[in-house]
Amino acid sequence: MASLRDILRKIGAVKNTKQITRAMNMVAASKLRNTQGKMEKFEPYAGKFAKVLGSLASRIDPDIHPLLVKKEQVSRVELLHFTADRGLCGSFNVNTINVAEKWIKEQHAQKRDCNLTLVGKKGRDYFKKRGYSITASHTNIYGTVDISFVNQMTREFIGRYLSDETDEVYMIYTRFLGVVKQEPTLVRLLPIEPPQTGEETQEGVSEYLCEPGAEGLMLELLPKHMSVQIFNAFLQNEVSEHASRMTAMDNATKNCGELVENLTLVYNKARQAAITAELMDIVGGAEALK
């Protein structure tokens, strides 16, 4: 059995860990509030943008732009993959990496070459160590990304697509569904699939007047639509990371509390056993002197 000093040392170490996890929980909660506010402010714009694009797509020929046309043969695909730069956020990184690996294996099974554009240290380190083909990687950029950076990424993807360096572009990010639920999501970026407006959604939808015309406006909005999706993925992934870390640190704090209680119980039992042993020695010595 461990000595009383060893048990006290363990109790002190667990208490220190509990203070750290509680502080990390509070920091994650603060960051979550800030980033969630940005995401919620961006959502109305993204929703309205998709609605306008869907209205335009229903009135034009889908073959007016190469970004809308599917290539006859797909042999090269590219994946934009999001992970976090740091750990200690539960299964957040593992889940999105597993989804990406499964998707990559499916592409290889169809004899397609797959290149990766990675956002986040965890994904970069994981895929680089295993020898995957990496086109570009971006680390430590969460919180500083603006629409100009996203527009540059969009231009690079479109450039490779139009020059036939890649035939399709996909994106995997973690979608924020709630503080306790985040879901890895796969989206196709190229060729672009404009939101469709069916008959059930046409009721009550405003008819947009376009100047100079729907086709010209559609051509202008297609790259912006891709940028909106990528920027939304940045916000969703960042919020999901903070939510997952907050939940993980909250669970760790509770586990530390339970561990302290168990160690205290062990300490009390060991102390009681030591006191009983000392009393038995005293009584035994007294009996021997009689």
C-alpha atoms as a PDB file:
ATOM      1  CA  MET A   1       0.000   0.000   0.000  1.00  0.00           C
ATOM      2  CA  ALA A   2       1.235   3.514  -0.799  1.00  0.00           C
ATOM      3  CA  SER A   3       2.526   5.580   2.109  1.00  0.00           C
ATOM      4  CA  LEU A   4       0.512   8.502   3.504  1.00  0.00           C
ATOM      5  CA  ARG A   5       3.024  10.940   2.027  1.00  0.00           C
ATOM      6  CA  ASP A   6       2.627   9.437  -1.459  1.00  0.00           C
ATOM      7  CA  ILE A   7      -1.173   9.667  -1.236  1.00  0.00           C
ATOM      8  CA  LEU A   8      -1.011  13.300  -0.106  1.00  0.00           C
ATOM      9  CA  ARG A   9       1.346  14.042  -3.011  1.00  0.00           C
ATOM     10  CA  LYS A  10      -1.125  12.490  -5.456  1.00  0.00           C
ATOM     11  CA  ILE A  11      -4.013  14.465  -3.966  1.00  0.00           C
ATOM     12  CA  GLY A  12      -2.039  17.703  -4.354  1.00  0.00           C
ATOM     13  CA  ALA A  13      -1.139  16.879  -7.973  1.00  0.00           C
ATOM     14  CA  VAL A  14      -4.764  16.105  -8.873  1.00  0.00           C
ATOM     15  CA  LYS A  15      -5.942  19.337  -7.237  1.00  0.00           C
ATOM     16  CA  ASN A  16      -3.405  21.320  -9.282  1.00  0.00           C
ATOM     17  CA  THR A  17      -4.595  19.556 -12.437  1.00  0.00           C
ATOM     18  CA  LYS A  18      -8.184  20.399 -11.511  1.00  0.00           C
ATOM     19  CA  GLN A  19      -7.299  24.097 -11.270  1.00  0.00           C
ATOM     20  CA  ILE A  20      -5.683  23.969 -14.716  1.00  0.00           C
ATOM     21  CA  THR A  21      -8.633  22.184 -16.361  1.00  0.00           C
ATOM     22  CA  ARG A  22     -11.090  24.596 -14.746  1.00  0.00           C
ATOM     23  CA  ALA A  23      -9.090  27.564 -16.080  1.00  0.00           C
ATOM     24  CA  MET A  24      -8.936  26.014 -19.572  1.00  0.00           C
ATOM     25  CA  ASN A  25     -12.689  25.438 -19.423  1.00  0.00           C
ATOM     26  CA  MET A  26     -13.278  29.117 -18.639  1.00  0.00           C
ATOM     27  CA  VAL A  27     -10.929  30.250 -21.432  1.00  0.00           C
ATOM     28  CA  ALA A  28     -12.646  27.953 -23.949  1.00  0.00           C
ATOM     29  CA  ALA A  29     -16.063  29.235 -22.852  1.00  0.00           C
ATOM     30  CA  SER A  30     -14.944  32.832 -23.370  1.00  0.00           C
ATOM     31  CA  LYS A  31     -13.541  32.085 -26.829  1.00  0.00           C
ATOM     32  CA  LEU A  32     -16.689  30.154 -27.680  1.00  0.00           C
ATOM     33  CA  ARG A  33     -18.889  33.172 -26.939  1.00  0.00           C
ATOM     34  CA  ASN A  34     -16.763  35.429 -29.146  1.00  0.00           C
ATOM     35  CA  THR A  35     -16.474  33.069 -32.119  1.00  0.00           C
ATOM     36  CA  GLN A  36     -20.097  31.948 -31.885  1.00  0.00           C
ATOM     37  CA  GLY A  37     -21.143  35.596 -32.139  1.00  0.00           C
ATOM     38  CA  LYS A  38     -19.140  35.955 -35.367  1.00  0.00           C
ATOM     39  CA  MET A  39     -20.658  32.784 -36.777  1.00  0.00           C
ATOM     40  CA  GLU A  40     -24.218  33.841 -35.929  1.00  0.00           C
ATOM     41  CA  LYS A  41     -23.655  37.253 -37.542  1.00  0.00           C
ATOM     42  CA  PHE A  42     -22.347  35.636 -40.724  1.00  0.00           C
ATOM     43  CA  GLU A  43     -25.162  33.065 -41.043  1.00  0.00           C
ATOM     44  CA  PRO A  44     -27.881  35.518 -42.243  1.00  0.00           C
ATOM     45  CA  TYR A  45     -25.560  36.743 -45.001  1.00  0.00           C
ATOM     46  CA  ALA A  46     -24.671  33.196 -46.051  1.00  0.00           C
ATOM     47  CA  GLY A  47     -28.350  32.199 -46.036  1.00  0.00           C
ATOM     48  CA  LYS A  48     -29.433  35.172 -48.138  1.00  0.00           C
ATOM     49  CA  PHE A  49     -26.520  34.632 -50.515  1.00  0.00           C
ATOM     50  CA  ALA A  50     -27.560  31.003 -51.059  1.00  0.00           C
ATOM     51  CA  LYS A  51     -31.181  32.064 -51.602  1.00  0.00           C
ATOM     52  CA  VAL A  52     -30.240  34.609 -54.284  1.00  0.00           C
ATOM     53  CA  LEU A  53     -27.917  32.127 -55.987  1.00  0.00           C
ATOM     54  CA  GLY A  54     -30.626  29.465 -55.980  1.00  0.00           C
ATOM     55  CA  SER A  55     -33.098  31.884 -57.547  1.00  0.00           C
ATOM     56  CA  LEU A  56     -30.624  32.757 -60.303  1.00  0.00           C
ATOM     57  CA  ALA A  57     -29.713  29.100 -60.925  1.00  0.00           C
ATOM     58  CA  SER A  58     -33.341  28.240 -61.619  1.00  0.00           C
ATOM     59  CA  ARG A  59     -33.479  30.775 -64.483  1.00  0.00           C
ATOM     60  CA  ILE A  60     -30.258  30.123 -66.411  1.00  0.00           C
ATOM     61  CA  ASP A  61     -28.523  27.423 -68.435  1.00  0.00           C
ATOM     62  CA  PRO A  62     -26.279  25.374 -66.101  1.00  0.00           C
ATOM     63  CA  ASP A  63     -23.556  25.140 -68.773  1.00  0.00           C
ATOM     64  CA  ILE A  64     -22.790  28.868 -68.924  1.00  0.00           C
ATOM     65  CA  HIS A  65     -19.653  28.574 -66.770  1.00  0.00           C
ATOM     66  CA  PRO A  66     -16.923  25.894 -66.477  1.00  0.00           C
ATOM     67  CA  LEU A  67     -17.255  25.948 -62.678  1.00  0.00           C
ATOM     68  CA  LEU A  68     -20.780  24.537 -63.064  1.00  0.00           C
ATOM     69  CA  VAL A  69     -19.942  21.783 -65.564  1.00  0.00           C
ATOM     70  CA  LYS A  70     -18.972  18.341 -64.297  1.00  0.00           C
ATOM     71  CA  LYS A  71     -15.920  16.818 -65.979  1.00  0.00           C
ATOM     72  CA  GLU A  72     -16.519  13.611 -67.899  1.00  0.00           C
ATOM     73  CA  GLN A  73     -13.657  11.739 -66.245  1.00  0.00           C
ATOM     74  CA  VAL A  74     -12.498  12.321 -62.685  1.00  0.00           C
ATOM     75  CA  SER A  75      -8.955  11.093 -61.973  1.00  0.00           C
ATOM     76  CA  ARG A  76      -7.622  13.784 -59.626  1.00  0.00           C
ATOM     77  CA  VAL A  77      -9.435  15.174 -56.582  1.00  0.00           C
ATOM     78  CA  GLU A  78      -8.441  17.656 -53.905  1.00  0.00           C
ATOM     79  CA  LEU A  79      -9.613  17.892 -50.299  1.00  0.00           C
ATOM     80  CA  LEU A  80      -9.666  20.988 -48.102  1.00  0.00           C
ATOM     81  CA  HIS A  81      -9.485  19.571 -44.585  1.00  0.00           C
ATOM     82  CA  PHE A  82      -9.944  21.385 -41.261  1.00  0.00           C
ATOM     83  CA  THR A  83      -8.557  20.378 -37.867  1.00  0.00           C
ATOM     84  CA  ALA A  84      -7.461  22.288 -34.767  1.00  0.00           C
ATOM     85  CA  ASP A  85      -3.977  23.623 -34.028  1.00  0.00           C
ATOM     86  CA  ARG A  86      -4.066  22.246 -30.469  1.00  0.00           C
ATOM     87  CA  GLY A  87      -5.311  19.170 -28.680  1.00  0.00           C
ATOM     88  CA  LEU A  88      -7.137  18.724 -25.370  1.00  0.00           C
ATOM     89  CA  CYS A  89     -10.486  18.979 -27.131  1.00  0.00           C
ATOM     90  CA  GLY A  90     -11.809  15.452 -26.778  1.00  0.00           C
ATOM     91  CA  SER A  91     -12.390  13.505 -29.985  1.00  0.00           C
ATOM     92  CA  PHE A  92     -12.710  16.650 -32.115  1.00  0.00           C
ATOM     93  CA  ASN A  93      -9.586  16.095 -34.231  1.00  0.00           C
ATOM     94  CA  VAL A  94      -9.861  12.294 -34.300  1.00  0.00           C
ATOM     95  CA  ASN A  95     -13.406  12.381 -35.700  1.00  0.00           C
ATOM     96  CA  THR A  96     -12.643  14.693 -38.618  1.00  0.00           C
ATOM     97  CA  ILE A  97      -9.381  12.861 -39.427  1.00  0.00           C
ATOM     98  CA  ASN A  98     -11.204   9.511 -39.478  1.00  0.00           C
ATOM     99  CA  VAL A  99     -13.825  10.906 -41.874  1.00  0.00           C
ATOM    100  CA  ALA A 100     -11.068  12.250 -44.138  1.00  0.00           C
ATOM    101  CA  GLU A 101      -9.127   8.970 -44.144  1.00  0.00           C
ATOM    102  CA  LYS A 102     -12.251   6.998 -45.005  1.00  0.00           C
ATOM    103  CA  TRP A 103     -13.033   9.387 -47.869  1.00  0.00           C
ATOM    104  CA  ILE A 104      -9.447   9.208 -49.176  1.00  0.00           C
ATOM    105  CA  LYS A 105      -9.554   5.397 -49.182  1.00  0.00           C
ATOM    106  CA  GLU A 106     -12.792   5.532 -51.177  1.00  0.00           C
ATOM    107  CA  GLN A 107     -11.111   7.796 -53.744  1.00  0.00           C
ATOM    108  CA  HIS A 108      -8.106   5.488 -54.011  1.00  0.00           C
ATOM    109  CA  ALA A 109     -10.465   2.539 -54.472  1.00  0.00           C
ATOM    110  CA  GLN A 110     -11.851   4.382 -57.510  1.00  0.00           C
ATOM    111  CA  LYS A 111      -8.256   4.895 -58.736  1.00  0.00           C
ATOM    112  CA  ARG A 112      -8.285   8.631 -58.155  1.00  0.00           C
ATOM    113  CA  ASP A 113      -5.251  10.629 -57.053  1.00  0.00           C
ATOM    114  CA  CYS A 114      -5.977  12.690 -53.956  1.00  0.00           C
ATOM    115  CA  ASN A 115      -4.184  15.870 -52.847  1.00  0.00           C
ATOM    116  CA  LEU A 116      -4.759  17.628 -49.537  1.00  0.00           C
ATOM    117  CA  THR A 117      -4.945  21.274 -48.526  1.00  0.00           C
ATOM    118  CA  LEU A 118      -4.778  21.254 -44.742  1.00  0.00           C
ATOM    119  CA  VAL A 119      -5.862  23.823 -42.158  1.00  0.00           C
ATOM    120  CA  GLY A 120      -4.655  23.120 -38.618  1.00  0.00           C
ATOM    121  CA  LYS A 121      -1.521  21.597 -37.073  1.00  0.00           C
ATOM    122  CA  LYS A 122      -3.117  18.346 -35.979  1.00  0.00           C
ATOM    123  CA  GLY A 123      -4.235  17.400 -39.482  1.00  0.00           C
ATOM    124  CA  ARG A 124      -0.969  18.552 -41.051  1.00  0.00           C
ATOM    125  CA  ASP A 125       1.166  16.494 -38.650  1.00  0.00           C
ATOM    126  CA  TYR A 126      -1.042  13.423 -39.017  1.00  0.00           C
ATOM    127  CA  PHE A 127      -1.182  13.317 -42.824  1.00  0.00           C
ATOM    128  CA  LYS A 128       2.426  14.437 -43.311  1.00  0.00           C
ATOM    129  CA  LYS A 129       3.700  11.637 -41.066  1.00  0.00           C
ATOM    130  CA  ARG A 130       1.776   9.061 -43.137  1.00  0.00           C
ATOM    131  CA  GLY A 131       3.061  10.273 -46.477  1.00  0.00           C
ATOM    132  CA  TYR A 132      -0.107  11.731 -48.012  1.00  0.00           C
ATOM    133  CA  SER A 133       0.212  14.170 -50.923  1.00  0.00           C
ATOM    134  CA  ILE A 134      -0.124  17.694 -49.483  1.00  0.00           C
ATOM    135  CA  THR A 135      -0.620  20.683 -51.766  1.00  0.00           C
ATOM    136  CA  ALA A 136      -0.622  23.350 -49.046  1.00  0.00           C
ATOM    137  CA  SER A 137      -0.997  23.658 -45.274  1.00  0.00           C
ATOM    138  CA  HIS A 138      -2.080  26.556 -43.068  1.00  0.00           C
ATOM    139  CA  THR A 139      -1.478  26.607 -39.311  1.00  0.00           C
ATOM    140  CA  ASN A 140      -2.140  29.089 -36.501  1.00  0.00           C
ATOM    141  CA  ILE A 141      -4.524  31.154 -38.608  1.00  0.00           C
ATOM    142  CA  TYR A 142      -7.786  30.671 -36.700  1.00  0.00           C
ATOM    143  CA  GLY A 143      -9.073  33.969 -35.391  1.00  0.00           C
ATOM    144  CA  THR A 144      -7.077  35.979 -37.930  1.00  0.00           C
ATOM    145  CA  VAL A 145      -8.691  34.729 -41.146  1.00  0.00           C
ATOM    146  CA  ASP A 146     -10.553  37.369 -43.153  1.00  0.00           C
ATOM    147  CA  ILE A 147     -12.435  37.239 -46.435  1.00  0.00           C
ATOM    148  CA  SER A 148      -9.379  38.376 -48.448  1.00  0.00           C
ATOM    149  CA  PHE A 149      -7.436  35.302 -47.286  1.00  0.00           C
ATOM    150  CA  VAL A 150     -10.393  33.080 -48.179  1.00  0.00           C
ATOM    151  CA  ASN A 151     -10.717  34.729 -51.594  1.00  0.00           C
ATOM    152  CA  GLN A 152      -7.060  33.900 -52.264  1.00  0.00           C
ATOM    153  CA  MET A 153      -7.686  30.256 -51.352  1.00  0.00           C
ATOM    154  CA  THR A 154     -10.703  30.240 -53.669  1.00  0.00           C
ATOM    155  CA  ARG A 155      -8.662  31.629 -56.558  1.00  0.00           C
ATOM    156  CA  GLU A 156      -6.035  28.920 -56.062  1.00  0.00           C
ATOM    157  CA  PHE A 157      -8.644  26.152 -56.081  1.00  0.00           C
ATOM    158  CA  ILE A 158     -10.347  27.590 -59.170  1.00  0.00           C
ATOM    159  CA  GLY A 159      -7.000  28.032 -60.918  1.00  0.00           C
ATOM    160  CA  ARG A 160      -6.061  24.386 -60.388  1.00  0.00           C
ATOM    161  CA  TYR A 161      -9.548  23.290 -61.454  1.00  0.00           C
ATOM    162  CA  LEU A 162      -9.568  25.306 -64.682  1.00  0.00           C
ATOM    163  CA  SER A 163      -6.013  24.195 -65.563  1.00  0.00           C
ATOM    164  CA  ASP A 164      -7.086  20.531 -65.140  1.00  0.00           C
ATOM    165  CA  GLU A 165      -4.691  19.951 -62.236  1.00  0.00           C
ATOM    166  CA  THR A 166      -7.710  18.672 -60.323  1.00  0.00           C
ATOM    167  CA  ASP A 167     -11.132  17.475 -61.449  1.00  0.00           C
ATOM    168  CA  GLU A 168     -13.111  17.919 -58.215  1.00  0.00           C
ATOM    169  CA  VAL A 169     -12.589  19.792 -54.956  1.00  0.00           C
ATOM    170  CA  TYR A 170     -14.152  18.755 -51.658  1.00  0.00           C
ATOM    171  CA  MET A 171     -14.094  20.144 -48.136  1.00  0.00           C
ATOM    172  CA  ILE A 172     -14.370  18.446 -44.719  1.00  0.00           C
ATOM    173  CA  TYR A 173     -14.996  20.603 -41.665  1.00  0.00           C
ATOM    174  CA  THR A 174     -16.769  20.199 -38.328  1.00  0.00           C
ATOM    175  CA  ARG A 175     -20.235  21.699 -38.297  1.00  0.00           C
ATOM    176  CA  PHE A 176     -21.453  23.253 -35.044  1.00  0.00           C
ATOM    177  CA  LEU A 177     -24.809  21.807 -34.003  1.00  0.00           C
ATOM    178  CA  GLY A 178     -24.620  22.627 -30.302  1.00  0.00           C
ATOM    179  CA  VAL A 179     -22.256  22.840 -27.365  1.00  0.00           C
ATOM    180  CA  VAL A 180     -22.328  19.061 -26.892  1.00  0.00           C
ATOM    181  CA  LYS A 181     -22.699  18.052 -30.562  1.00  0.00           C
ATOM    182  CA  GLN A 182     -20.415  18.773 -33.504  1.00  0.00           C
ATOM    183  CA  GLU A 183     -20.549  16.860 -36.766  1.00  0.00           C
ATOM    184  CA  PRO A 184     -17.805  16.345 -39.407  1.00  0.00           C
ATOM    185  CA  THR A 185     -19.327  17.429 -42.724  1.00  0.00           C
ATOM    186  CA  LEU A 186     -18.286  16.714 -46.324  1.00  0.00           C
ATOM    187  CA  VAL A 187     -19.088  19.355 -48.968  1.00  0.00           C
ATOM    188  CA  ARG A 188     -18.237  19.484 -52.668  1.00  0.00           C
ATOM    189  CA  LEU A 189     -16.797  22.839 -53.665  1.00  0.00           C
ATOM    190  CA  LEU A 190     -16.033  22.235 -57.368  1.00  0.00           C
ATOM    191  CA  PRO A 191     -17.822  21.833 -59.665  1.00  0.00           C
ATOM    192  CA  ILE A 192     -20.213  24.202 -57.918  1.00  0.00           C
ATOM    193  CA  GLU A 193     -23.722  23.006 -57.174  1.00  0.00           C
ATOM    194  CA  PRO A 194     -25.918  26.105 -56.704  1.00  0.00           C
ATOM    195  CA  PRO A 195     -28.703  25.734 -54.128  1.00  0.00           C
ATOM    196  CA  GLN A 196     -31.843  24.474 -55.834  1.00  0.00           C
ATOM    197  CA  THR A 197     -35.235  26.056 -55.217  1.00  0.00           C
ATOM    198  CA  GLY A 198     -38.005  23.508 -55.612  1.00  0.00           C
ATOM    199  CA  GLU A 199     -41.707  24.211 -55.967  1.00  0.00           C
ATOM    200  CA  GLU A 200     -42.198  23.864 -52.215  1.00  0.00           C
ATOM    201  CA  THR A 201     -39.620  26.583 -51.567  1.00  0.00           C
ATOM    202  CA  GLN A 202     -40.767  28.866 -54.340  1.00  0.00           C
ATOM    203  CA  GLU A 203     -43.896  29.877 -52.475  1.00  0.00           C
ATOM    204  CA  GLY A 204     -43.355  33.155 -50.739  1.00  0.00           C
ATOM    205  CA  VAL A 205     -39.911  33.652 -52.336  1.00  0.00           C
ATOM    206  CA  SER A 206     -39.264  37.078 -53.843  1.00  0.00           C
ATOM    207  CA  GLU A 207     -38.514  37.364 -57.546  1.00  0.00           C
ATOM    208  CA  TYR A 208     -35.169  39.133 -57.884  1.00  0.00           C
ATOM    209  CA  LEU A 209     -34.703  41.697 -60.639  1.00  0.00           C
ATOM    210  CA  CYS A 210     -31.167  41.488 -62.060  1.00  0.00           C
ATOM    211  CA  GLU A 211     -29.253  44.187 -63.897  1.00  0.00           C
ATOM    212  CA  PRO A 212     -27.615  43.697 -66.372  1.00  0.00           C
ATOM    213  CA  GLY A 213     -28.905  40.092 -66.335  1.00  0.00           C
ATOM    214  CA  ALA A 214     -29.164  36.847 -64.402  1.00  0.00           C
ATOM    215  CA  GLU A 215     -26.354  35.144 -66.309  1.00  0.00           C
ATOM    216  CA  GLY A 216     -23.874  37.982 -65.784  1.00  0.00           C
ATOM    217  CA  LEU A 217     -24.702  38.164 -62.103  1.00  0.00           C
ATOM    218  CA  MET A 218     -24.430  34.396 -61.749  1.00  0.00           C
ATOM    219  CA  LEU A 219     -20.952  34.403 -63.248  1.00  0.00           C
ATOM    220  CA  GLU A 220     -19.930  37.089 -60.766  1.00  0.00           C
ATOM    221  CA  LEU A 221     -21.415  35.297 -57.761  1.00  0.00           C
ATOM    222  CA  LEU A 222     -20.062  31.779 -58.380  1.00  0.00           C
ATOM    223  CA  PRO A 223     -16.535  32.377 -56.980  1.00  0.00           C
ATOM    224  CA  LYS A 224     -18.033  34.394 -54.123  1.00  0.00           C
ATOM    225  CA  HIS A 225     -20.361  31.500 -53.325  1.00  0.00           C
ATOM    226  CA  MET A 226     -17.327  29.241 -52.924  1.00  0.00           C
ATOM    227  CA  SER A 227     -15.602  31.813 -50.709  1.00  0.00           C
ATOM    228  CA  VAL A 228     -18.712  32.067 -48.525  1.00  0.00           C
ATOM    229  CA  GLN A 229     -18.714  28.295 -48.004  1.00  0.00           C
ATOM    230  CA  ILE A 230     -15.026  28.223 -47.045  1.00  0.00           C
ATOM    231  CA  PHE A 231     -15.308  31.208 -44.707  1.00  0.00           C
ATOM    232  CA  ASN A 232     -18.353  29.632 -43.078  1.00  0.00           C
ATOM    233  CA  ALA A 233     -16.329  26.426 -42.605  1.00  0.00           C
ATOM    234  CA  PHE A 234     -13.598  28.403 -40.818  1.00  0.00           C
ATOM    235  CA  LEU A 235     -16.143  29.882 -38.412  1.00  0.00           C
ATOM    236  CA  GLN A 236     -18.014  26.617 -37.866  1.00  0.00           C
ATOM    237  CA  ASN A 237     -14.811  24.664 -37.249  1.00  0.00           C
ATOM    238  CA  GLU A 238     -13.426  27.232 -34.812  1.00  0.00           C
ATOM    239  CA  VAL A 239     -16.654  27.358 -32.805  1.00  0.00           C
ATOM    240  CA  SER A 240     -16.820  23.550 -32.761  1.00  0.00           C
ATOM    241  CA  GLU A 241     -13.241  23.346 -31.491  1.00  0.00           C
ATOM    242  CA  HIS A 242     -13.899  25.695 -28.566  1.00  0.00           C
ATOM    243  CA  ALA A 243     -17.153  23.908 -27.714  1.00  0.00           C
ATOM    244  CA  SER A 244     -15.453  20.516 -27.778  1.00  0.00           C
ATOM    245  CA  ARG A 245     -12.553  21.767 -25.633  1.00  0.00           C
ATOM    246  CA  MET A 246     -14.925  23.366 -23.138  1.00  0.00           C
ATOM    247  CA  THR A 247     -16.845  20.093 -22.784  1.00  0.00           C
ATOM    248  CA  ALA A 248     -13.634  18.035 -22.496  1.00  0.00           C
ATOM    249  CA  MET A 249     -12.184  20.317 -19.806  1.00  0.00           C
ATOM    250  CA  ASP A 250     -15.476  20.312 -17.907  1.00  0.00           C
ATOM    251  CA  ASN A 251     -15.447  16.506 -17.880  1.00  0.00           C
ATOM    252  CA  ALA A 252     -11.782  16.496 -16.837  1.00  0.00           C
ATOM    253  CA  THR A 253     -12.555  18.858 -13.941  1.00  0.00           C
ATOM    254  CA  LYS A 254     -15.351  16.587 -12.735  1.00  0.00           C
ATOM    255  CA  ASN A 255     -13.099  13.528 -13.015  1.00  0.00           C
ATOM    256  CA  CYS A 256     -10.413  15.287 -10.976  1.00  0.00           C
ATOM    257  CA  GLY A 257     -12.967  16.024  -8.257  1.00  0.00           C
ATOM    258  CA  GLU A 258     -14.020  12.384  -8.134  1.00  0.00           C
ATOM    259  CA  LEU A 259     -10.388  11.252  -8.053  1.00  0.00           C
ATOM    260  CA  VAL A 260      -9.641  13.591  -5.126  1.00  0.00           C
ATOM    261  CA  GLU A 261     -12.590  12.124  -3.222  1.00  0.00           C
ATOM    262  CA  ASN A 262     -11.382   8.564  -3.862  1.00  0.00           C
ATOM    263  CA  LEU A 263      -7.797   9.389  -2.884  1.00  0.00           C
ATOM    264  CA  THR A 264      -9.013  11.134   0.275  1.00  0.00           C
ATOM    265  CA  LEU A 265     -10.950   8.022   1.214  1.00  0.00           C
ATOM    266  CA  VAL A 266      -7.842   5.875   0.620  1.00  0.00           C
ATOM    267  CA  TYR A 267      -5.773   8.329   2.681  1.00  0.00           C
ATOM    268  CA  ASN A 268      -8.230   8.209   5.590  1.00  0.00           C
ATOM    269  CA  LYS A 269      -8.268   4.401   5.556  1.00  0.00           C
ATOM    270  CA  ALA A 270      -4.478   4.237   5.448  1.00  0.00           C
ATOM    271  CA  ARG A 271      -4.187   6.781   8.255  1.00  0.00           C
ATOM    272  CA  GLN A 272      -6.699   4.871  10.356  1.00  0.00           C
ATOM    273  CA  ALA A 273      -4.782   1.640   9.751  1.00  0.00           C
ATOM    274  CA  ALA A 274      -1.516   3.335  10.767  1.00  0.00           C
ATOM    275  CA  ILE A 275      -3.065   4.702  13.970  1.00  0.00           C
ATOM    276  CA  THR A 276      -4.526   1.281  14.791  1.00  0.00           C
ATOM    277  CA  ALA A 277      -1.146  -0.342  14.238  1.00  0.00           C
ATOM    278  CA  GLU A 278       0.537   2.179  16.553  1.00  0.00           C
ATOM    279  CA  LEU A 279      -2.075   1.602  19.256  1.00  0.00           C
ATOM    280  CA  MET A 280      -1.572  -2.141  18.963  1.00  0.00           C
ATOM    281  CA  ASP A 281       2.186  -1.662  19.397  1.00  0.00           C
ATOM    282  CA  ILE A 282       1.619   0.512  22.472  1.00  0.00           C
ATOM    283  CA  VAL A 283      -0.818  -1.970  24.001  1.00  0.00           C
ATOM    284  CA  GLY A 284       1.485  -4.855  23.195  1.00  0.00           C
ATOM    285  CA  GLY A 285       4.425  -3.055  24.788  1.00  0.00           C
ATOM    286  CA  ALA A 286       2.417  -2.256  27.881  1.00  0.00           C
ATOM    287  CA  GLU A 287       1.337  -5.868  28.225  1.00  0.00           C
ATOM    288  CA  ALA A 288       4.934  -7.021  27.878  1.00  0.00           C
ATOM    289  CA  LEU A 289       6.053  -4.770  30.738  1.00  0.00           C
ATOM    290  CA  LYS A 290       3.543  -6.268  33.195  1.00  0.00           C
END
